[in-house]
């Protein structure tokens, strides 16, 4: 019997990429390939890339070099957002054999089965992104106690700093029936928590049939998605990974507040706390709406965790603008920040805007907001000390400990107990760790 060919995967970027990498791995497995860890020798290496920042581009090059050092004769495939945006640039990286764009990614087996390193060097298969109009469902499985379930892809928004529409195409979605079936399958495979993912998740349903009712088209469709998923008994927990504040409706917030499966945890991209910057970024909301969304969440769920994305150093951001953003967030009842440093991206309006912020200044602003995020997280954690909350237990890098997250996304550590991995148990939140990154919890109870 012939030894199966081996394949290894590496993912850069977002939860959506992780869900798609898992789907690609299952395609290879179903065709007789043997998946191995990326740190091992493999016949084929697949790198699923991100291109949100210049650092992601450099990371791609580094990973390709590592694969080639490990197995010089391996076949190297690069796909993902970077591959769609700069296919020729990637094809010129020494060792890269095949570059697949957004429309070709899930047809990867059509390209690799009969290709060899000598005949395929630098081959590019990346069509025009405007022609990408199909949705391929995917979800991650096997590496966590939770799964990332992709229900939406692409984006119709035109934010001035963003290349995602160029990399992933127009907004498109799974059907309700397919999303529910995938969630049920994930639950039957033993996973307890699903994180819903997409490029613009609140736009779910764009391009599908409108469900009858009085509500606006897109509101109705995402609201119906969470309503139907809430009925999936095989899953204990759902989280909404990230949703635009203008698409997070009162209806959705109220539903999550009453749900036993959707967790009191929201991630709302902010990007700037300055209305001038929001206009320049071409965001579809202003500060007042963001304040209103946060207040509505806290009204229904005072214990809810709210995270937000912020970008610093976008062209035109003055020191006064940044200080306004800092003060705005400081006074906002949010729990943590994801802070990004702006980097110029080709073919975006922001790249042509005046008022370039020096790189060192961008980094300084980034560090200032990261410090604010640490204070916000510590304050949020302290508010819940003395409470008992349900935790989904996971492995910890220290074998003497377990880790996990409460329903409202407080990260905890607890002394190891047998048989607790992938179980949900109530624990008492005792005290903060010295660095404030986790809460030390008391023993679990049935």
Protein backbone atom coordinates (compact mmCIF):
# COMPACT_ATOMS: atom_id res chain seq x y z
CA UNK A 1 0.00 0.00 0.00
CA UNK A 2 1.40 3.39 -1.04
CA UNK A 3 2.34 5.85 1.66
CA UNK A 4 -0.11 8.80 1.59
CA UNK A 5 1.24 12.21 0.66
CA UNK A 6 1.47 14.60 3.59
CA UNK A 7 0.15 18.15 3.78
CA UNK A 8 0.70 20.87 6.38
CA UNK A 9 -1.16 24.14 6.91
CA UNK A 10 -0.29 27.50 8.44
CA UNK A 11 -2.80 30.30 8.98
CA UNK A 12 -2.17 34.01 9.28
CA UNK A 13 -4.83 36.48 10.36
CA UNK A 14 -8.41 36.30 11.45
CA UNK A 15 -10.90 33.72 12.70
CA UNK A 16 -12.36 33.55 9.20
CA UNK A 17 -9.02 32.35 7.85
CA UNK A 18 -8.84 29.65 10.53
CA UNK A 19 -12.26 28.35 9.55
CA UNK A 20 -11.24 28.22 5.89
CA UNK A 21 -7.93 26.49 6.59
CA UNK A 22 -9.81 23.75 8.44
CA UNK A 23 -12.12 23.35 5.45
CA UNK A 24 -9.11 23.05 3.13
CA UNK A 25 -7.59 20.42 5.42
CA UNK A 26 -10.77 18.36 5.26
CA UNK A 27 -10.68 18.55 1.44
CA UNK A 28 -7.18 17.07 1.45
CA UNK A 29 -8.09 14.39 3.99
CA UNK A 30 -11.11 13.31 1.95
CA UNK A 31 -8.75 12.82 -1.02
CA UNK A 32 -6.37 10.58 0.92
CA UNK A 33 -3.76 13.09 2.06
CA UNK A 34 -2.32 12.84 5.57
CA UNK A 35 -2.30 16.16 7.48
CA UNK A 36 0.78 16.83 9.62
CA UNK A 37 1.89 19.75 11.74
CA UNK A 38 3.45 22.67 9.93
CA UNK A 39 6.62 22.20 11.98
CA UNK A 40 7.07 18.73 10.45
CA UNK A 41 8.34 17.68 7.03
CA UNK A 42 5.53 17.55 4.47
CA UNK A 43 5.05 16.97 0.76
CA UNK A 44 2.80 20.02 0.48
CA UNK A 45 2.72 23.20 2.56
CA UNK A 46 -0.35 25.43 2.35
CA UNK A 47 -0.11 28.97 3.71
CA UNK A 48 -3.41 30.84 4.15
CA UNK A 49 -2.49 34.51 4.31
CA UNK A 50 -3.79 37.78 5.68
CA UNK A 51 -2.92 41.21 4.34
CA UNK A 52 -4.36 43.63 6.89
CA UNK A 53 -0.91 45.01 7.70
CA UNK A 54 2.54 45.12 6.17
CA UNK A 55 3.66 42.86 9.02
CA UNK A 56 1.36 40.15 7.66
CA UNK A 57 3.06 40.42 4.26
CA UNK A 58 6.51 40.00 5.81
CA UNK A 59 5.25 37.10 7.94
CA UNK A 60 4.17 35.30 4.77
CA UNK A 61 7.67 35.51 3.34
CA UNK A 62 9.20 34.27 6.58
CA UNK A 63 6.88 31.26 6.78
CA UNK A 64 7.66 30.24 3.20
CA UNK A 65 11.38 30.35 3.97
CA UNK A 66 10.85 28.18 7.05
CA UNK A 67 8.94 25.57 5.05
CA UNK A 68 11.65 25.42 2.40
CA UNK A 69 14.40 24.98 4.99
CA UNK A 70 12.41 22.15 6.56
CA UNK A 71 11.69 20.34 3.29
CA UNK A 72 13.44 21.86 0.23
CA UNK A 73 11.56 19.63 -2.19
CA UNK A 74 8.10 20.39 -0.82
CA UNK A 75 5.32 21.89 -2.93
CA UNK A 76 4.34 25.30 -1.51
CA UNK A 77 0.90 26.84 -2.05
CA UNK A 78 -0.03 30.35 -0.91
CA UNK A 79 -3.65 31.46 -0.78
CA UNK A 80 -5.77 33.95 1.15
CA UNK A 81 -6.07 37.74 1.06
CA UNK A 82 -2.43 38.52 0.34
CA UNK A 83 -2.51 36.02 -2.52
CA UNK A 84 -5.49 37.76 -4.12
CA UNK A 85 -4.03 41.24 -3.69
CA UNK A 86 -0.43 40.60 -4.78
CA UNK A 87 -0.27 37.26 -6.62
CA UNK A 88 2.71 38.09 -8.83
CA UNK A 89 4.68 39.42 -5.88
CA UNK A 90 4.13 36.17 -3.99
CA UNK A 91 4.92 34.06 -7.05
CA UNK A 92 8.40 35.60 -7.07
CA UNK A 93 9.15 34.47 -3.50
CA UNK A 94 11.74 31.67 -3.78
CA UNK A 95 10.09 28.33 -3.09
CA UNK A 96 6.49 29.30 -3.90
CA UNK A 97 4.99 26.97 -6.50
CA UNK A 98 1.35 27.97 -6.68
CA UNK A 99 -0.63 31.10 -5.79
CA UNK A 100 -4.42 30.77 -5.52
CA UNK A 101 -6.81 33.71 -5.36
CA UNK A 102 -10.15 34.04 -3.63
CA UNK A 103 -12.10 32.34 -6.41
CA UNK A 104 -9.65 29.47 -6.77
CA UNK A 105 -8.88 28.70 -3.11
CA UNK A 106 -11.43 25.94 -2.61
CA UNK A 107 -10.48 24.26 -5.90
CA UNK A 108 -6.98 23.69 -4.56
CA UNK A 109 -7.04 19.94 -5.23
CA UNK A 110 -7.65 20.57 -8.92
CA UNK A 111 -4.27 22.29 -9.04
CA UNK A 112 -2.03 20.28 -6.70
CA UNK A 113 -2.88 16.66 -7.48
CA UNK A 114 -0.96 16.49 -10.75
CA UNK A 115 1.63 19.22 -10.30
CA UNK A 116 5.28 18.83 -9.43
CA UNK A 117 7.78 21.36 -8.19
CA UNK A 118 9.66 21.37 -11.47
CA UNK A 119 6.61 22.19 -13.63
CA UNK A 120 4.71 24.61 -11.43
CA UNK A 121 7.19 27.11 -10.01
CA UNK A 122 5.52 30.46 -9.48
CA UNK A 123 2.21 29.46 -11.09
CA UNK A 124 -0.56 32.00 -10.43
CA UNK A 125 -4.27 31.23 -10.48
CA UNK A 126 -5.98 34.38 -9.23
CA UNK A 127 -8.92 35.76 -11.20
CA UNK A 128 -10.54 39.17 -10.85
CA UNK A 129 -12.12 39.63 -7.44
CA UNK A 130 -15.26 41.08 -9.05
CA UNK A 131 -15.90 37.60 -10.43
CA UNK A 132 -15.88 36.01 -6.98
CA UNK A 133 -19.59 35.50 -6.30
CA UNK A 134 -19.98 32.13 -4.62
CA UNK A 135 -20.03 31.28 -0.93
CA UNK A 136 -18.15 28.28 0.45
CA UNK A 137 -19.16 27.24 3.95
CA UNK A 138 -16.34 26.34 6.31
CA UNK A 139 -15.61 25.81 9.98
CA UNK A 140 -12.62 25.00 12.16
CA UNK A 141 -12.47 21.80 14.17
CA UNK A 142 -10.07 19.73 16.21
CA UNK A 143 -7.64 22.28 17.61
CA UNK A 144 -9.84 23.98 20.21
CA UNK A 145 -12.86 23.53 22.44
CA UNK A 146 -14.57 26.04 20.16
CA UNK A 147 -15.16 26.22 16.43
CA UNK A 148 -15.11 29.21 14.10
CA UNK A 149 -18.12 28.91 11.80
CA UNK A 150 -18.04 31.03 8.64
CA UNK A 151 -21.51 32.26 7.69
CA UNK A 152 -20.64 35.34 5.60
CA UNK A 153 -17.84 36.46 3.29
CA UNK A 154 -16.85 39.59 1.38
CA UNK A 155 -17.85 43.20 2.01
CA UNK A 156 -19.76 45.93 0.19
CA UNK A 157 -18.41 48.69 2.44
CA UNK A 158 -15.68 50.96 1.09
CA UNK A 159 -13.68 52.03 4.14
CA UNK A 160 -10.83 54.23 2.96
CA UNK A 161 -8.08 52.22 4.70
CA UNK A 162 -9.24 48.69 3.90
CA UNK A 163 -8.26 46.21 1.17
CA UNK A 164 -10.64 43.43 2.22
CA UNK A 165 -13.23 44.12 -0.55
CA UNK A 166 -10.34 43.87 -3.04
CA UNK A 167 -9.20 40.62 -1.47
CA UNK A 168 -12.51 38.86 -0.82
CA UNK A 169 -15.05 40.46 -3.15
CA UNK A 170 -18.67 41.44 -2.64
CA UNK A 171 -20.75 40.48 0.38
CA UNK A 172 -22.33 37.04 0.20
CA UNK A 173 -23.65 34.58 2.75
CA UNK A 174 -24.52 31.04 3.60
CA UNK A 175 -28.19 30.07 3.79
CA UNK A 176 -29.96 29.75 7.11
CA UNK A 177 -30.47 26.04 6.51
CA UNK A 178 -26.81 25.40 5.74
CA UNK A 179 -25.54 27.47 8.68
CA UNK A 180 -27.83 25.59 11.07
CA UNK A 181 -26.82 22.21 9.61
CA UNK A 182 -23.13 23.06 9.99
CA UNK A 183 -23.66 24.19 13.58
CA UNK A 184 -25.46 20.96 14.37
CA UNK A 185 -22.64 18.92 12.77
CA UNK A 186 -20.04 20.79 14.82
CA UNK A 187 -21.98 20.03 17.99
CA UNK A 188 -22.29 16.36 17.09
CA UNK A 189 -18.49 16.26 16.72
CA UNK A 190 -18.15 17.25 20.37
CA UNK A 191 -17.46 20.99 20.22
CA UNK A 192 -19.25 23.05 22.85
CA UNK A 193 -18.83 26.62 21.55
CA UNK A 194 -19.18 28.22 18.11
CA UNK A 195 -17.86 31.65 17.17
CA UNK A 196 -19.76 33.05 14.19
CA UNK A 197 -17.35 34.61 11.70
CA UNK A 198 -17.46 36.65 8.53
CA UNK A 199 -15.97 39.75 6.97
CA UNK A 200 -19.06 41.82 7.69
CA UNK A 201 -21.10 39.49 9.84
CA UNK A 202 -24.07 41.78 10.38
CA UNK A 203 -24.57 41.83 6.60
CA UNK A 204 -25.52 38.14 6.69
CA UNK A 205 -28.20 37.34 4.13
CA UNK A 206 -27.10 39.84 1.52
CA UNK A 207 -28.06 38.40 -1.85
CA UNK A 208 -30.45 35.76 -0.48
CA UNK A 209 -34.23 35.72 -0.44
CA UNK A 210 -35.83 38.23 1.90
CA UNK A 211 -37.79 36.64 4.72
CA UNK A 212 -41.26 38.13 5.06
CA UNK A 213 -41.83 40.59 7.86
CA UNK A 214 -41.87 44.23 8.80
CA UNK A 215 -38.19 44.55 9.64
CA UNK A 216 -35.56 46.00 7.27
CA UNK A 217 -33.98 43.45 4.98
CA UNK A 218 -30.55 42.96 6.52
CA UNK A 219 -31.70 43.34 10.11
CA UNK A 220 -34.26 40.62 9.59
CA UNK A 221 -31.80 38.20 8.09
CA UNK A 222 -29.09 38.39 10.73
CA UNK A 223 -31.72 38.41 13.47
CA UNK A 224 -33.23 35.28 11.94
CA UNK A 225 -29.81 33.63 11.81
CA UNK A 226 -29.22 34.01 15.54
CA UNK A 227 -32.80 32.97 16.24
CA UNK A 228 -32.42 29.72 14.31
CA UNK A 229 -28.97 28.94 15.69
CA UNK A 230 -30.29 29.43 19.22
CA UNK A 231 -32.43 26.34 18.65
CA UNK A 232 -29.42 24.10 17.95
CA UNK A 233 -29.35 21.97 21.10
CA UNK A 234 -26.06 20.31 20.20
CA UNK A 235 -24.18 23.58 20.89
CA UNK A 236 -23.91 25.07 24.37
CA UNK A 237 -22.49 28.46 23.45
CA UNK A 238 -22.50 30.86 20.50
CA UNK A 239 -20.47 34.07 20.21
CA UNK A 240 -20.78 36.82 17.63
CA UNK A 241 -17.15 37.45 16.65
CA UNK A 242 -17.44 41.05 15.42
CA UNK A 243 -20.32 43.14 14.16
CA UNK A 244 -20.49 46.69 12.84
CA UNK A 245 -22.25 49.02 15.32
CA UNK A 246 -24.66 50.21 12.63
CA UNK A 247 -25.73 46.61 12.01
CA UNK A 248 -26.11 45.59 15.64
CA UNK A 249 -29.79 46.31 16.16
CA UNK A 250 -31.87 46.62 19.31
CA UNK A 251 -33.60 43.41 18.28
CA UNK A 252 -30.35 41.43 18.23
CA UNK A 253 -29.16 42.86 21.55
CA UNK A 254 -32.47 42.07 23.23
CA UNK A 255 -32.42 38.54 21.80
CA UNK A 256 -28.90 37.83 23.08
CA UNK A 257 -29.92 39.14 26.51
CA UNK A 258 -32.68 36.50 26.72
CA UNK A 259 -30.78 33.67 25.05
CA UNK A 260 -29.24 30.79 26.98
CA UNK A 261 -26.85 29.96 24.11
CA UNK A 262 -25.66 33.34 22.81
CA UNK A 263 -23.05 34.72 25.17
CA UNK A 264 -23.11 38.27 26.61
CA UNK A 265 -20.03 39.25 24.63
CA UNK A 266 -19.89 41.74 21.77
CA UNK A 267 -17.01 43.02 19.67
CA UNK A 268 -17.86 46.32 17.97
CA UNK A 269 -15.32 47.92 15.61
CA UNK A 270 -14.86 51.57 16.53
CA UNK A 271 -11.67 52.54 14.62
CA UNK A 272 -11.75 56.14 15.87
CA UNK A 273 -13.45 58.17 18.57
CA UNK A 274 -13.27 61.28 16.40
CA UNK A 275 -16.08 62.07 13.96
CA UNK A 276 -13.77 63.77 11.47
CA UNK A 277 -11.65 60.63 11.32
CA UNK A 278 -14.73 58.43 11.01
CA UNK A 279 -15.84 60.47 7.99
CA UNK A 280 -12.38 60.26 6.44
CA UNK A 281 -12.35 56.51 7.06
CA UNK A 282 -15.80 56.29 5.37
CA UNK A 283 -17.27 54.50 8.34
CA UNK A 284 -21.08 54.18 8.40
CA UNK A 285 -21.68 55.57 11.89
CA UNK A 286 -20.54 58.36 14.18
CA UNK A 287 -19.57 58.52 17.85
CA UNK A 288 -23.12 59.07 19.07
CA UNK A 289 -24.36 55.83 17.54
CA UNK A 290 -21.47 53.89 19.08
CA UNK A 291 -22.26 55.35 22.51
CA UNK A 292 -25.89 54.37 22.03
CA UNK A 293 -25.02 50.77 21.08
CA UNK A 294 -22.78 50.35 24.14
CA UNK A 295 -25.44 51.85 26.41
CA UNK A 296 -28.13 49.54 24.99
CA UNK A 297 -25.98 46.46 25.54
CA UNK A 298 -25.22 47.46 29.13
CA UNK A 299 -28.89 48.27 29.79
CA UNK A 300 -29.90 44.72 28.84
CA UNK A 301 -26.74 43.00 30.11
CA UNK A 302 -24.76 45.00 32.70
CA UNK A 303 -22.31 42.10 32.94
CA UNK A 304 -21.63 41.95 29.17
CA UNK A 305 -18.11 42.14 27.81
CA UNK A 306 -17.64 44.66 24.99
CA UNK A 307 -14.46 44.81 22.92
CA UNK A 308 -13.60 47.27 20.17
CA UNK A 309 -11.12 47.74 17.34
CA UNK A 310 -9.19 50.99 17.01
CA UNK A 311 -6.77 52.15 14.30
CA UNK A 312 -4.15 54.78 15.08
CA UNK A 313 -2.12 56.91 12.71
CA UNK A 314 -4.51 57.09 9.75
CA UNK A 315 -3.50 60.05 7.51
CA UNK A 316 -4.95 63.28 8.85
CA UNK A 317 -5.10 62.10 12.47
CA UNK A 318 -3.68 65.01 14.45
CA UNK A 319 -2.54 64.83 18.05
CA UNK A 320 -5.80 66.52 19.04
CA UNK A 321 -7.77 63.90 17.09
CA UNK A 322 -5.91 61.09 18.83
CA UNK A 323 -6.43 62.62 22.27
CA UNK A 324 -10.13 62.92 21.51
CA UNK A 325 -10.21 59.21 20.63
CA UNK A 326 -8.31 58.34 23.80
CA UNK A 327 -10.67 60.36 26.00
CA UNK A 328 -13.72 58.99 24.21
CA UNK A 329 -12.66 55.39 24.87
CA UNK A 330 -11.55 56.20 28.40
CA UNK A 331 -15.11 57.32 29.20
CA UNK A 332 -16.74 54.46 27.29
CA UNK A 333 -17.99 51.38 29.11
CA UNK A 334 -15.99 48.88 27.05
CA UNK A 335 -13.86 46.00 28.35
CA UNK A 336 -10.82 45.76 26.08
CA UNK A 337 -9.34 47.06 22.82
CA UNK A 338 -7.72 45.54 19.76
CA UNK A 339 -5.34 48.29 18.63
CA UNK A 340 -3.99 48.43 15.07
CA UNK A 341 -1.30 50.70 13.69
CA UNK A 342 -2.22 52.09 10.29
CA UNK A 343 -0.03 50.94 7.41
CA UNK A 344 -0.31 52.19 3.85
CA UNK A 345 -2.12 49.80 1.53
CA UNK A 346 -1.93 50.15 -2.23
CA UNK A 347 -5.08 51.14 -4.13
CA UNK A 348 -6.88 52.52 -1.08
CA UNK A 349 -8.08 56.14 -0.76
CA UNK A 350 -6.26 56.53 2.57
CA UNK A 351 -2.92 55.96 0.85
CA UNK A 352 -3.48 59.19 -1.11
CA UNK A 353 -4.71 61.28 1.80
CA UNK A 354 -2.61 64.18 3.16
CA UNK A 355 -1.37 64.45 6.71
CA UNK A 356 0.86 61.37 6.95
CA UNK A 357 1.57 60.47 10.57
CA UNK A 358 5.22 59.56 11.24
CA UNK A 359 5.72 55.86 11.95
CA UNK A 360 7.20 56.47 15.39
CA UNK A 361 4.21 58.58 16.32
CA UNK A 362 1.86 55.83 15.17
CA UNK A 363 3.68 53.40 17.44
CA UNK A 364 3.49 55.79 20.39
CA UNK A 365 -0.25 56.15 19.96
CA UNK A 366 -0.61 52.39 19.66
CA UNK A 367 1.22 51.87 22.96
CA UNK A 368 -0.91 54.51 24.68
CA UNK A 369 -4.12 52.74 23.67
CA UNK A 370 -2.73 49.33 24.58
CA UNK A 371 -2.09 50.69 28.04
CA UNK A 372 -5.67 51.96 28.16
CA UNK A 373 -6.89 48.53 27.07
CA UNK A 374 -5.03 46.88 29.95
CA UNK A 375 -6.69 49.28 32.40
CA UNK A 376 -10.11 48.62 30.86
CA UNK A 377 -9.66 44.86 31.05
CA UNK A 378 -8.45 44.99 34.64
CA UNK A 379 -11.42 47.16 35.65
CA UNK A 380 -13.86 44.80 33.92
CA UNK A 381 -12.34 41.77 35.61
CA UNK A 382 -12.38 43.45 39.02
CA UNK A 383 -16.10 44.18 38.64
CA UNK A 384 -16.78 40.45 38.56
CA UNK A 385 -14.59 39.28 41.43
CA UNK A 386 -16.68 37.42 43.99
CA UNK A 387 -19.18 36.30 41.34
CA UNK A 388 -19.78 32.76 40.13
CA UNK A 389 -19.92 32.31 36.37
CA UNK A 390 -19.92 29.34 33.96
CA UNK A 391 -16.57 28.52 32.35
CA UNK A 392 -15.72 26.36 29.34
CA UNK A 393 -12.49 24.61 30.37
CA UNK A 394 -9.49 24.29 28.06
CA UNK A 395 -5.90 23.08 28.24
CA UNK A 396 -3.33 25.42 29.74
CA UNK A 397 0.36 25.62 28.75
CA UNK A 398 1.08 24.80 32.40
CA UNK A 399 -0.02 21.18 32.96
CA UNK A 400 -0.93 21.97 36.58
CA UNK A 401 -3.59 24.45 35.49
CA UNK A 402 -6.75 24.69 33.41
CA UNK A 403 -7.82 27.82 31.61
CA UNK A 404 -11.06 28.98 30.07
CA UNK A 405 -13.48 31.83 29.53
CA UNK A 406 -16.63 32.71 31.39
CA UNK A 407 -19.80 33.36 29.43
CA UNK A 408 -18.92 37.08 29.46
CA UNK A 409 -15.33 36.49 28.33
CA UNK A 410 -13.39 36.76 31.56
CA UNK A 411 -10.26 34.63 31.16
CA UNK A 412 -9.68 32.37 34.16
CA UNK A 413 -7.09 29.96 35.53
CA UNK A 414 -7.84 27.16 37.97
CA UNK A 415 -5.86 24.23 39.41
CA UNK A 416 -6.19 21.22 37.15
CA UNK A 417 -9.04 18.78 37.75
CA UNK A 418 -9.45 15.49 35.92
CA UNK A 419 -12.09 15.21 33.22
CA UNK A 420 -12.76 18.95 32.95
CA UNK A 421 -11.52 19.71 29.42
CA UNK A 422 -14.41 20.78 27.18
CA UNK A 423 -16.80 20.85 30.14
CA UNK A 424 -18.77 23.89 31.26
CA UNK A 425 -18.85 24.37 35.04
CA UNK A 426 -19.62 27.29 37.36
CA UNK A 427 -16.59 28.70 39.18
CA UNK A 428 -16.10 31.49 41.68
CA UNK A 429 -13.90 34.38 40.53
CA UNK A 430 -11.44 34.96 43.37
CA UNK A 431 -8.71 37.42 42.46
CA UNK A 432 -6.70 38.97 39.64
CA UNK A 433 -3.36 37.53 38.61
CA UNK A 434 -0.36 39.77 39.22
CA UNK A 435 -0.30 40.98 35.61
CA UNK A 436 -4.09 41.44 35.51
CA UNK A 437 -4.40 39.24 32.41
CA UNK A 438 -6.49 36.49 34.03
CA UNK A 439 -8.69 35.86 37.06
CA UNK A 440 -7.65 33.14 39.49
CA UNK A 441 -10.77 31.08 40.08
CA UNK A 442 -11.91 28.82 42.88
CA UNK A 443 -12.90 25.18 42.47
CA UNK A 444 -15.62 24.15 40.03
CA UNK A 445 -18.94 22.82 41.19
CA UNK A 446 -21.56 20.65 39.54
